[in-house]
N, C-alpha and C. Protein backbone atom coordinates (compact mmCIF):
# COMPACT_ATOMS: atom_id res chain seq x y z
N MET A 1 0.84 -1.19 0.00
CA MET A 1 0.00 0.00 -0.01
C MET A 1 0.89 1.25 0.00
N GLU A 2 0.50 2.21 -0.79
CA GLU A 2 1.25 3.44 -0.92
C GLU A 2 1.00 4.36 0.28
N ALA A 3 2.08 4.88 0.85
CA ALA A 3 1.94 5.84 1.97
C ALA A 3 1.55 7.20 1.41
N ARG A 4 0.59 7.84 2.05
CA ARG A 4 0.13 9.15 1.61
C ARG A 4 0.14 10.09 2.80
N SER A 5 0.41 11.37 2.53
CA SER A 5 0.35 12.33 3.61
C SER A 5 -1.10 12.82 3.77
N LEU A 6 -1.39 13.34 4.92
CA LEU A 6 -2.74 13.84 5.21
C LEU A 6 -2.98 15.15 4.47
N THR A 7 -4.21 15.32 4.02
CA THR A 7 -4.59 16.59 3.40
C THR A 7 -4.72 17.66 4.48
N PRO A 8 -4.73 18.92 4.08
CA PRO A 8 -4.93 19.97 5.08
C PRO A 8 -6.23 19.84 5.85
N VAL A 9 -7.28 19.40 5.19
CA VAL A 9 -8.57 19.23 5.88
C VAL A 9 -8.45 18.11 6.94
N GLN A 10 -7.81 17.03 6.57
CA GLN A 10 -7.63 15.92 7.54
C GLN A 10 -6.79 16.40 8.72
N GLN A 11 -5.76 17.18 8.45
CA GLN A 11 -4.94 17.71 9.52
C GLN A 11 -5.75 18.63 10.45
N ASP A 12 -6.60 19.47 9.86
CA ASP A 12 -7.44 20.35 10.69
C ASP A 12 -8.40 19.54 11.56
N LEU A 13 -8.99 18.50 11.00
CA LEU A 13 -9.91 17.67 11.79
C LEU A 13 -9.17 16.98 12.94
N LEU A 14 -7.98 16.48 12.68
CA LEU A 14 -7.21 15.85 13.76
C LEU A 14 -6.86 16.86 14.84
N ARG A 15 -6.52 18.09 14.46
CA ARG A 15 -6.23 19.12 15.47
C ARG A 15 -7.48 19.43 16.28
N ALA A 16 -8.63 19.50 15.62
CA ALA A 16 -9.89 19.80 16.32
C ALA A 16 -10.19 18.73 17.34
N PHE A 17 -10.00 17.48 16.97
CA PHE A 17 -10.30 16.37 17.89
C PHE A 17 -9.25 16.23 18.99
N SER A 18 -8.08 16.79 18.80
CA SER A 18 -7.04 16.66 19.82
C SER A 18 -7.31 17.53 21.04
N PHE A 19 -8.19 18.53 20.90
CA PHE A 19 -8.48 19.44 22.02
C PHE A 19 -9.68 19.05 22.85
N ASN A 20 -10.57 18.27 22.28
CA ASN A 20 -11.79 17.93 22.98
C ASN A 20 -12.10 16.46 22.72
N HIS A 21 -12.02 15.64 23.73
CA HIS A 21 -12.15 14.20 23.56
C HIS A 21 -13.55 13.69 23.95
N SER A 22 -14.49 14.58 24.16
CA SER A 22 -15.80 14.12 24.62
C SER A 22 -16.58 13.47 23.48
N ASP A 23 -17.40 12.51 23.84
CA ASP A 23 -18.27 11.84 22.87
C ASP A 23 -19.28 12.83 22.30
N GLU A 24 -19.73 13.78 23.12
CA GLU A 24 -20.68 14.77 22.67
C GLU A 24 -20.09 15.61 21.53
N PHE A 25 -18.84 16.00 21.68
CA PHE A 25 -18.17 16.79 20.64
C PHE A 25 -18.03 15.98 19.37
N ALA A 26 -17.66 14.72 19.49
CA ALA A 26 -17.50 13.87 18.32
C ALA A 26 -18.84 13.70 17.59
N LEU A 27 -19.92 13.53 18.34
CA LEU A 27 -21.24 13.38 17.73
C LEU A 27 -21.66 14.67 17.04
N GLU A 28 -21.33 15.80 17.65
CA GLU A 28 -21.68 17.09 17.06
C GLU A 28 -20.93 17.29 15.72
N ILE A 29 -19.64 16.97 15.71
CA ILE A 29 -18.84 17.09 14.49
C ILE A 29 -19.41 16.14 13.43
N LYS A 30 -19.73 14.94 13.82
CA LYS A 30 -20.29 13.97 12.88
C LYS A 30 -21.60 14.49 12.29
N SER A 31 -22.43 15.08 13.11
CA SER A 31 -23.71 15.64 12.65
C SER A 31 -23.49 16.78 11.68
N VAL A 32 -22.56 17.67 11.97
CA VAL A 32 -22.26 18.80 11.10
C VAL A 32 -21.74 18.30 9.74
N LEU A 33 -20.83 17.36 9.77
CA LEU A 33 -20.27 16.81 8.53
C LEU A 33 -21.34 16.08 7.73
N THR A 34 -22.17 15.31 8.41
CA THR A 34 -23.25 14.59 7.73
C THR A 34 -24.21 15.56 7.06
N SER A 35 -24.60 16.61 7.77
CA SER A 35 -25.50 17.61 7.18
C SER A 35 -24.87 18.31 5.97
N TYR A 36 -23.60 18.62 6.08
CA TYR A 36 -22.89 19.29 5.00
C TYR A 36 -22.87 18.44 3.74
N PHE A 37 -22.49 17.17 3.89
CA PHE A 37 -22.39 16.31 2.73
C PHE A 37 -23.77 15.90 2.21
N GLN A 38 -24.77 15.82 3.05
CA GLN A 38 -26.12 15.53 2.60
C GLN A 38 -26.63 16.69 1.76
N LYS A 39 -26.35 17.92 2.16
CA LYS A 39 -26.78 19.07 1.38
C LYS A 39 -26.09 19.10 0.03
N LYS A 40 -24.80 18.79 -0.01
CA LYS A 40 -24.06 18.72 -1.28
C LYS A 40 -24.66 17.65 -2.18
N LEU A 41 -24.98 16.50 -1.62
CA LEU A 41 -25.58 15.41 -2.39
C LEU A 41 -26.94 15.81 -2.92
N ASP A 42 -27.78 16.41 -2.07
CA ASP A 42 -29.10 16.86 -2.49
C ASP A 42 -29.00 17.88 -3.65
N ASN A 43 -28.05 18.80 -3.55
CA ASN A 43 -27.86 19.79 -4.60
C ASN A 43 -27.42 19.13 -5.91
N GLU A 44 -26.55 18.17 -5.83
CA GLU A 44 -26.09 17.48 -7.03
C GLU A 44 -27.20 16.65 -7.67
N ILE A 45 -27.99 15.98 -6.84
CA ILE A 45 -29.12 15.21 -7.37
C ILE A 45 -30.11 16.14 -8.04
N GLU A 46 -30.38 17.28 -7.42
CA GLU A 46 -31.30 18.25 -8.03
C GLU A 46 -30.76 18.77 -9.35
N ARG A 47 -29.47 19.04 -9.40
CA ARG A 47 -28.83 19.52 -10.65
C ARG A 47 -28.97 18.47 -11.75
N LEU A 48 -28.65 17.20 -11.42
CA LEU A 48 -28.75 16.13 -12.42
C LEU A 48 -30.19 15.94 -12.88
N HIS A 49 -31.12 16.07 -11.95
CA HIS A 49 -32.54 15.95 -12.32
C HIS A 49 -32.96 17.10 -13.23
N ASP A 50 -32.56 18.31 -12.88
CA ASP A 50 -32.95 19.49 -13.66
C ASP A 50 -32.38 19.45 -15.09
N GLU A 51 -31.18 18.89 -15.25
CA GLU A 51 -30.60 18.84 -16.58
C GLU A 51 -31.04 17.59 -17.36
N GLY A 52 -31.84 16.74 -16.71
CA GLY A 52 -32.40 15.58 -17.40
C GLY A 52 -31.52 14.35 -17.38
N THR A 53 -30.39 14.40 -16.66
CA THR A 53 -29.50 13.24 -16.58
C THR A 53 -30.03 12.19 -15.65
N LEU A 54 -30.64 12.60 -14.57
CA LEU A 54 -31.18 11.68 -13.58
C LEU A 54 -32.70 11.66 -13.72
N THR A 55 -33.18 10.59 -14.30
CA THR A 55 -34.63 10.46 -14.55
C THR A 55 -35.17 9.26 -13.77
N GLU A 56 -36.48 9.12 -13.76
CA GLU A 56 -37.09 7.94 -13.11
C GLU A 56 -36.61 6.64 -13.78
N GLU A 57 -36.44 6.67 -15.09
CA GLU A 57 -35.95 5.48 -15.78
C GLU A 57 -34.54 5.09 -15.33
N VAL A 58 -33.68 6.08 -15.18
CA VAL A 58 -32.31 5.83 -14.72
C VAL A 58 -32.36 5.26 -13.29
N LEU A 59 -33.17 5.85 -12.44
CA LEU A 59 -33.28 5.38 -11.06
C LEU A 59 -33.80 3.93 -11.01
N GLU A 60 -34.73 3.59 -11.87
CA GLU A 60 -35.24 2.21 -11.92
C GLU A 60 -34.17 1.24 -12.37
N ARG A 61 -33.32 1.65 -13.33
CA ARG A 61 -32.22 0.79 -13.77
C ARG A 61 -31.19 0.60 -12.67
N LEU A 62 -30.98 1.63 -11.86
CA LEU A 62 -29.98 1.57 -10.80
C LEU A 62 -30.47 0.80 -9.56
N ARG A 63 -31.79 0.71 -9.38
CA ARG A 63 -32.33 0.13 -8.18
C ARG A 63 -31.75 -1.25 -7.81
N PRO A 64 -31.63 -2.18 -8.77
CA PRO A 64 -31.12 -3.52 -8.39
C PRO A 64 -29.60 -3.58 -8.24
N GLU A 65 -28.90 -2.52 -8.60
CA GLU A 65 -27.44 -2.52 -8.54
C GLU A 65 -26.93 -2.42 -7.12
N ASP A 66 -25.83 -3.12 -6.84
CA ASP A 66 -25.14 -3.00 -5.57
C ASP A 66 -24.05 -1.94 -5.75
N LEU A 67 -24.32 -0.71 -5.38
CA LEU A 67 -23.40 0.40 -5.61
C LEU A 67 -22.31 0.47 -4.55
N HIS A 68 -22.30 -0.44 -3.58
CA HIS A 68 -21.28 -0.45 -2.54
C HIS A 68 -20.08 -1.30 -2.90
N LYS A 69 -20.13 -1.97 -4.03
CA LYS A 69 -18.99 -2.77 -4.48
C LYS A 69 -17.84 -1.87 -4.83
N SER A 70 -16.63 -2.35 -4.58
CA SER A 70 -15.47 -1.52 -4.98
C SER A 70 -14.92 -1.98 -6.29
């Protein structure tokens, strides 16, 4: 496996967690990140739908697929 250095964002997150070790803080950070990425996903889905790329037909074709495979 190739060694990689941490990105600036990863470094910032590690610094943030180094100051506060409470479970409450970790849950709050997780909630903030989840909300952020959910909003980005919602916006992208809306964009694809608006441009006609993501249609009901496409969603039906994707339904049986296992998208978690690597």
